C-alpha atoms as a PDB file:
ATOM      1  CA  MET A   1     -20.501 -14.868  45.193  1.00  0.00           C
ATOM      2  CA  THR A   2     -23.083 -12.604  43.491  1.00  0.00           C
ATOM      3  CA  HIS A   3     -20.252  -9.827  42.676  1.00  0.00           C
ATOM      4  CA  ARG A   4     -18.242 -12.575  41.221  1.00  0.00           C
ATOM      5  CA  PHE A   5     -21.025 -13.829  39.292  1.00  0.00           C
ATOM      6  CA  ILE A   6     -21.771 -10.360  37.862  1.00  0.00           C
ATOM      7  CA  ARG A   7     -18.180  -9.841  37.033  1.00  0.00           C
ATOM      8  CA  LEU A   8     -17.955 -13.359  35.123  1.00  0.00           C
ATOM      9  CA  PHE A   9     -21.114 -12.337  33.335  1.00  0.00           C
ATOM     10  CA  VAL A  10     -19.843  -8.999  32.252  1.00  0.00           C
ATOM     11  CA  PHE A  11     -16.631 -10.431  31.229  1.00  0.00           C
ATOM     12  CA  GLY A  12     -18.351 -13.182  29.248  1.00  0.00           C
ATOM     13  CA  ALA A  13     -20.350 -10.502  27.612  1.00  0.00           C
ATOM     14  CA  ALA A  14     -17.610  -8.720  26.388  1.00  0.00           C
ATOM     15  CA  LEU A  15     -16.165 -11.718  25.131  1.00  0.00           C
ATOM     16  CA  ALA A  16     -19.137 -12.457  23.027  1.00  0.00           C
ATOM     17  CA  GLY A  17     -18.709  -8.748  21.272  1.00  0.00           C
ATOM     18  CA  GLN A  18     -21.783  -7.011  23.187  1.00  0.00           C
ATOM     19  CA  GLY A  19     -21.903  -3.776  21.352  1.00  0.00           C
ATOM     20  CA  ALA A  20     -23.582  -1.867  24.264  1.00  0.00           C
ATOM     21  CA  GLN A  21     -20.245  -2.239  26.213  1.00  0.00           C
ATOM     22  CA  ALA A  22     -17.958  -1.244  23.238  1.00  0.00           C
ATOM     23  CA  MET A  23     -15.703   1.518  23.858  1.00  0.00           C
ATOM     24  CA  PRO A  24     -16.109   4.832  21.918  1.00  0.00           C
ATOM     25  CA  VAL A  25     -13.795   5.021  18.958  1.00  0.00           C
ATOM     26  CA  ASN A  26     -13.036   8.495  18.166  1.00  0.00           C
ATOM     27  CA  ASN A  27      -9.938  10.670  17.111  1.00  0.00           C
ATOM     28  CA  SER A  28      -8.897  10.897  21.014  1.00  0.00           C
ATOM     29  CA  TYR A  29      -9.059   7.200  21.588  1.00  0.00           C
ATOM     30  CA  ILE A  30      -6.961   6.522  18.452  1.00  0.00           C
ATOM     31  CA  GLN A  31      -4.400   8.970  19.318  1.00  0.00           C
ATOM     32  CA  ALA A  32      -4.097   8.089  22.767  1.00  0.00           C
ATOM     33  CA  SER A  33      -3.845   4.406  21.890  1.00  0.00           C
ATOM     34  CA  ALA A  34      -1.024   5.494  19.154  1.00  0.00           C
ATOM     35  CA  GLY A  35       0.890   6.999  21.790  1.00  0.00           C
ATOM     36  CA  GLU A  36       0.672   3.791  24.004  1.00  0.00           C
ATOM     37  CA  ILE A  37       1.973   1.844  21.059  1.00  0.00           C
ATOM     38  CA  ARG A  38       4.620   4.300  20.427  1.00  0.00           C
ATOM     39  CA  GLY A  39       5.771   3.955  23.990  1.00  0.00           C
ATOM     40  CA  PHE A  40       6.173   0.238  23.236  1.00  0.00           C
ATOM     41  CA  LEU A  41       7.074   0.202  19.668  1.00  0.00           C
ATOM     42  CA  GLY A  42       8.535   3.573  19.077  1.00  0.00           C
ATOM     43  CA  SER A  43      12.162   2.388  19.154  1.00  0.00           C
ATOM     44  CA  TYR A  44      11.454   0.266  15.934  1.00  0.00           C
ATOM     45  CA  ALA A  45       9.077   2.632  14.167  1.00  0.00           C
ATOM     46  CA  ARG A  46       7.391   5.982  14.489  1.00  0.00           C
ATOM     47  CA  PRO A  47       4.461   6.497  11.978  1.00  0.00           C
ATOM     48  CA  THR A  48       1.968   9.324  12.192  1.00  0.00           C
ATOM     49  CA  VAL A  49      -1.406   7.889  12.525  1.00  0.00           C
ATOM     50  CA  TYR A  50      -3.924   9.393  10.366  1.00  0.00           C
ATOM     51  CA  VAL A  51      -7.683   9.010  11.100  1.00  0.00           C
ATOM     52  CA  ASP A  52     -10.566   9.246   8.621  1.00  0.00           C
ATOM     53  CA  GLN A  53      -8.298  10.739   5.863  1.00  0.00           C
ATOM     54  CA  ASN A  54      -7.684   7.996   3.674  1.00  0.00           C
ATOM     55  CA  ALA A  55      -3.987   8.944   3.835  1.00  0.00           C
ATOM     56  CA  CYS A  56      -2.677   5.472   1.792  1.00  0.00           C
ATOM     57  CA  GLY A  57      -5.172   6.349  -1.094  1.00  0.00           C
ATOM     58  CA  GLU A  58      -7.541   3.483   0.126  1.00  0.00           C
ATOM     59  CA  PRO A  59     -11.166   3.498  -1.330  1.00  0.00           C
ATOM     60  CA  GLU A  60     -12.621   3.412   2.072  1.00  0.00           C
ATOM     61  CA  SER A  61     -11.360   3.938   5.512  1.00  0.00           C
ATOM     62  CA  SER A  62     -10.558   0.712   7.347  1.00  0.00           C
ATOM     63  CA  ALA A  63      -6.698   0.217   8.630  1.00  0.00           C
ATOM     64  CA  MET A  64      -3.747   0.130   6.625  1.00  0.00           C
ATOM     65  CA  ALA A  65       0.149   1.199   6.669  1.00  0.00           C
ATOM     66  CA  CYS A  66       1.477   2.483   3.557  1.00  0.00           C
ATOM     67  CA  GLY A  67       5.065   3.191   4.491  1.00  0.00           C
ATOM     68  CA  PRO A  68       7.207   3.405   7.562  1.00  0.00           C
ATOM     69  CA  TYR A  69       5.729   6.972   8.312  1.00  0.00           C
ATOM     70  CA  THR A  70       1.933   6.411   7.748  1.00  0.00           C
ATOM     71  CA  ILE A  71      -0.612   4.452   9.254  1.00  0.00           C
ATOM     72  CA  SER A  72      -4.308   5.419   8.164  1.00  0.00           C
ATOM     73  CA  VAL A  73      -7.361   4.242  10.087  1.00  0.00           C
ATOM     74  CA  GLY A  74     -11.208   4.906  10.213  1.00  0.00           C
ATOM     75  CA  THR A  75     -13.192   5.473  12.913  1.00  0.00           C
ATOM     76  CA  GLY A  76     -16.103   3.711  11.690  1.00  0.00           C
ATOM     77  CA  PHE A  77     -14.326   0.546  10.746  1.00  0.00           C
ATOM     78  CA  LEU A  78     -12.393   0.562  14.308  1.00  0.00           C
ATOM     79  CA  GLN A  79     -15.777   1.180  15.955  1.00  0.00           C
ATOM     80  CA  GLN A  80     -17.534  -1.602  14.229  1.00  0.00           C
ATOM     81  CA  GLN A  81     -14.632  -4.232  15.399  1.00  0.00           C
ATOM     82  CA  GLU A  82     -15.040  -3.011  18.710  1.00  0.00           C
ATOM     83  CA  ASN A  83     -18.805  -3.274  18.538  1.00  0.00           C
ATOM     84  CA  SER A  84     -18.389  -6.656  17.248  1.00  0.00           C
ATOM     85  CA  TYR A  85     -15.390  -8.160  19.019  1.00  0.00           C
ATOM     86  CA  GLY A  86     -15.257  -6.309  22.308  1.00  0.00           C
ATOM     87  CA  ASN A  87     -13.028  -3.483  23.921  1.00  0.00           C
ATOM     88  CA  TYR A  88      -9.465  -2.801  23.077  1.00  0.00           C
ATOM     89  CA  VAL A  89      -9.785  -4.767  19.574  1.00  0.00           C
ATOM     90  CA  ALA A  90      -8.953  -1.106  17.683  1.00  0.00           C
ATOM     91  CA  LYS A  91      -5.523  -1.148  19.753  1.00  0.00           C
ATOM     92  CA  PHE A  92      -4.651  -4.485  18.569  1.00  0.00           C
ATOM     93  CA  ILE A  93      -5.620  -3.352  14.852  1.00  0.00           C
ATOM     94  CA  LEU A  94      -3.687  -0.282  15.289  1.00  0.00           C
ATOM     95  CA  ALA A  95      -0.336  -2.466  16.741  1.00  0.00           C
ATOM     96  CA  HIS A  96      -0.895  -4.745  13.691  1.00  0.00           C
ATOM     97  CA  GLU A  97      -0.295  -1.739  11.406  1.00  0.00           C
ATOM     98  CA  TRP A  98       2.575  -0.664  13.276  1.00  0.00           C
ATOM     99  CA  GLY A  99       4.085  -3.690  12.847  1.00  0.00           C
ATOM    100  CA  HIS A 100       3.805  -3.066   9.093  1.00  0.00           C
ATOM    101  CA  SER A 101       5.471   0.097   9.493  1.00  0.00           C
ATOM    102  CA  VAL A 102       8.255  -1.755  11.567  1.00  0.00           C
ATOM    103  CA  GLN A 103       8.324  -4.048   8.404  1.00  0.00           C
ATOM    104  CA  PHE A 104       8.721  -0.807   6.167  1.00  0.00           C
ATOM    105  CA  THR A 105      11.359   0.397   8.552  1.00  0.00           C
ATOM    106  CA  ARG A 106      13.565  -2.588   8.549  1.00  0.00           C
ATOM    107  CA  GLY A 107      13.078  -3.639   4.858  1.00  0.00           C
ATOM    108  CA  ILE A 108      11.250  -6.819   5.908  1.00  0.00           C
ATOM    109  CA  GLU A 109       9.372  -8.165   2.967  1.00  0.00           C
ATOM    110  CA  ARG A 110       7.764 -11.591   3.167  1.00  0.00           C
ATOM    111  CA  ARG A 111       5.524 -13.959   0.991  1.00  0.00           C
ATOM    112  CA  PRO A 112       1.749 -13.440   1.820  1.00  0.00           C
ATOM    113  CA  PRO A 113       0.716 -14.529   4.183  1.00  0.00           C
ATOM    114  CA  MET A 114       3.856 -14.529   6.237  1.00  0.00           C
ATOM    115  CA  GLN A 115       3.828 -10.389   6.050  1.00  0.00           C
ATOM    116  CA  GLU A 116       0.498 -10.106   7.626  1.00  0.00           C
ATOM    117  CA  LEU A 117       1.234 -12.839   9.847  1.00  0.00           C
ATOM    118  CA  GLN A 118       4.221 -11.370  11.315  1.00  0.00           C
ATOM    119  CA  ALA A 119       2.145  -8.044  11.725  1.00  0.00           C
ATOM    120  CA  ASP A 120      -0.557  -9.905  13.721  1.00  0.00           C
ATOM    121  CA  CYS A 121       2.614 -11.424  15.948  1.00  0.00           C
ATOM    122  CA  VAL A 122       3.468  -7.761  16.548  1.00  0.00           C
ATOM    123  CA  GLY A 123       0.079  -7.045  17.526  1.00  0.00           C
ATOM    124  CA  GLY A 124      -0.140  -9.846  19.898  1.00  0.00           C
ATOM    125  CA  THR A 125       3.140  -8.524  21.800  1.00  0.00           C
ATOM    126  CA  PHE A 126       1.384  -5.260  22.329  1.00  0.00           C
ATOM    127  CA  ALA A 127      -1.741  -6.984  23.680  1.00  0.00           C
ATOM    128  CA  LYS A 128       0.425  -8.513  26.295  1.00  0.00           C
ATOM    129  CA  TYR A 129       2.340  -5.330  26.985  1.00  0.00           C
ATOM    130  CA  ALA A 130      -0.929  -3.586  27.480  1.00  0.00           C
ATOM    131  CA  GLU A 131      -1.956  -6.038  29.846  1.00  0.00           C
ATOM    132  CA  THR A 132       1.048  -6.282  31.818  1.00  0.00           C
ATOM    133  CA  SER A 133       2.537  -2.692  31.785  1.00  0.00           C
ATOM    134  CA  LEU A 134      -0.304  -0.548  30.832  1.00  0.00           C
ATOM    135  CA  ARG A 135      -3.083  -2.642  33.353  1.00  0.00           C
ATOM    136  CA  TYR A 136      -5.715  -3.233  30.653  1.00  0.00           C
ATOM    137  CA  PRO A 137      -7.775  -6.287  31.094  1.00  0.00           C
ATOM    138  CA  SER A 138      -6.601  -9.086  28.556  1.00  0.00           C
ATOM    139  CA  PHE A 139      -8.094  -8.475  25.370  1.00  0.00           C
ATOM    140  CA  ILE A 140      -6.123 -11.149  23.285  1.00  0.00           C
ATOM    141  CA  GLU A 141      -9.250 -13.322  22.907  1.00  0.00           C
ATOM    142  CA  ASN A 142     -11.334 -10.655  21.387  1.00  0.00           C
ATOM    143  CA  ALA A 143      -8.167  -9.604  19.192  1.00  0.00           C
ATOM    144  CA  VAL A 144      -7.618 -13.085  17.997  1.00  0.00           C
ATOM    145  CA  ALA A 145     -11.426 -13.421  17.057  1.00  0.00           C
ATOM    146  CA  SER A 146     -11.436 -10.333  15.206  1.00  0.00           C
ATOM    147  CA  ALA A 147      -8.292 -11.422  13.310  1.00  0.00           C
ATOM    148  CA  ARG A 148      -9.699 -14.794  12.380  1.00  0.00           C
ATOM    149  CA  ASP A 149     -12.691 -13.515  10.929  1.00  0.00           C
ATOM    150  CA  ALA A 150     -10.586 -11.150   8.763  1.00  0.00           C
ATOM    151  CA  ALA A 151      -8.738 -13.935   7.372  1.00  0.00           C
ATOM    152  CA  ASP A 152      -8.789 -14.427   3.566  1.00  0.00           C
ATOM    153  CA  TYR A 153      -6.621 -17.359   3.184  1.00  0.00           C
ATOM    154  CA  GLN A 154      -4.590 -15.560   0.772  1.00  0.00           C
ATOM    155  CA  GLU A 155      -2.984 -12.219   1.721  1.00  0.00           C
ATOM    156  CA  HIS A 156      -3.778 -12.544   5.299  1.00  0.00           C
ATOM    157  CA  GLY A 157      -3.806 -16.187   5.874  1.00  0.00           C
ATOM    158  CA  THR A 158      -6.213 -18.717   7.386  1.00  0.00           C
ATOM    159  CA  PRO A 159      -8.350 -18.278  10.742  1.00  0.00           C
ATOM    160  CA  SER A 160      -5.801 -20.690  12.540  1.00  0.00           C
ATOM    161  CA  GLN A 161      -2.846 -19.011  11.223  1.00  0.00           C
ATOM    162  CA  ARG A 162      -4.050 -15.474  12.461  1.00  0.00           C
ATOM    163  CA  ASP A 163      -4.737 -16.928  15.564  1.00  0.00           C
ATOM    164  CA  TYR A 164      -1.613 -18.909  16.018  1.00  0.00           C
ATOM    165  CA  TYR A 165       0.568 -15.596  15.109  1.00  0.00           C
ATOM    166  CA  SER A 166      -1.106 -13.278  17.340  1.00  0.00           C
ATOM    167  CA  ARG A 167      -0.826 -15.725  20.184  1.00  0.00           C
ATOM    168  CA  TYR A 168       2.658 -16.521  19.402  1.00  0.00           C
ATOM    169  CA  GLY A 169       3.482 -12.557  19.728  1.00  0.00           C
ATOM    170  CA  TYR A 170       1.514 -12.467  22.914  1.00  0.00           C
ATOM    171  CA  ALA A 171       3.544 -15.316  24.568  1.00  0.00           C
ATOM    172  CA  ASN A 172       6.967 -14.750  22.869  1.00  0.00           C
ATOM    173  CA  GLY A 173       7.421 -11.283  22.498  1.00  0.00           C
ATOM    174  CA  PHE A 174       8.450  -8.731  19.696  1.00  0.00           C
ATOM    175  CA  ASN A 175      12.137 -10.034  19.052  1.00  0.00           C
ATOM    176  CA  SER A 176      10.417 -13.622  18.382  1.00  0.00           C
ATOM    177  CA  CYS A 177       8.305 -11.951  15.972  1.00  0.00           C
ATOM    178  CA  MET A 178      11.144 -10.492  14.296  1.00  0.00           C
ATOM    179  CA  THR A 179      13.736 -13.287  14.234  1.00  0.00           C
ATOM    180  CA  ARG A 180      11.594 -16.428  13.882  1.00  0.00           C
ATOM    181  CA  ILE A 181       8.793 -15.222  11.569  1.00  0.00           C
END
């Protein structure tokens, strides 16, 4: 009984975004995550992930895809996301950007916010893959919390839209993201 309580307490603390438990997000972690995502989505797009290089010409390092072959991420941004929302949120964000690379590769252009919501959907598919195939603990709740907080009601959609499409991808898979969104 005590062991179960401790596990539930630790899981609950992770969902609450307790920074003390956050994974260290560095180049190795990001490149390993990119390898995992490439194993799942590599047949659709194979971008290079640049870390802390502002490879897309962005003014500050966050997370951005700027073509079929380039994703630019900042360790500080991804670490802050994991500190705030919990472990593996950086993987979801990277998978979201990978979704944009898939869009670039396939020539998909949607009106805002659907372009971003389709990328959220792809992020959700990776979260499910990571859980079922890579044996990660579920991190969809943490990922959805991060996506909801990044909603801007225009380009990225509303919090409820970001929640819905992330979970839609998680529940329905990659092909549904590409054909129904």
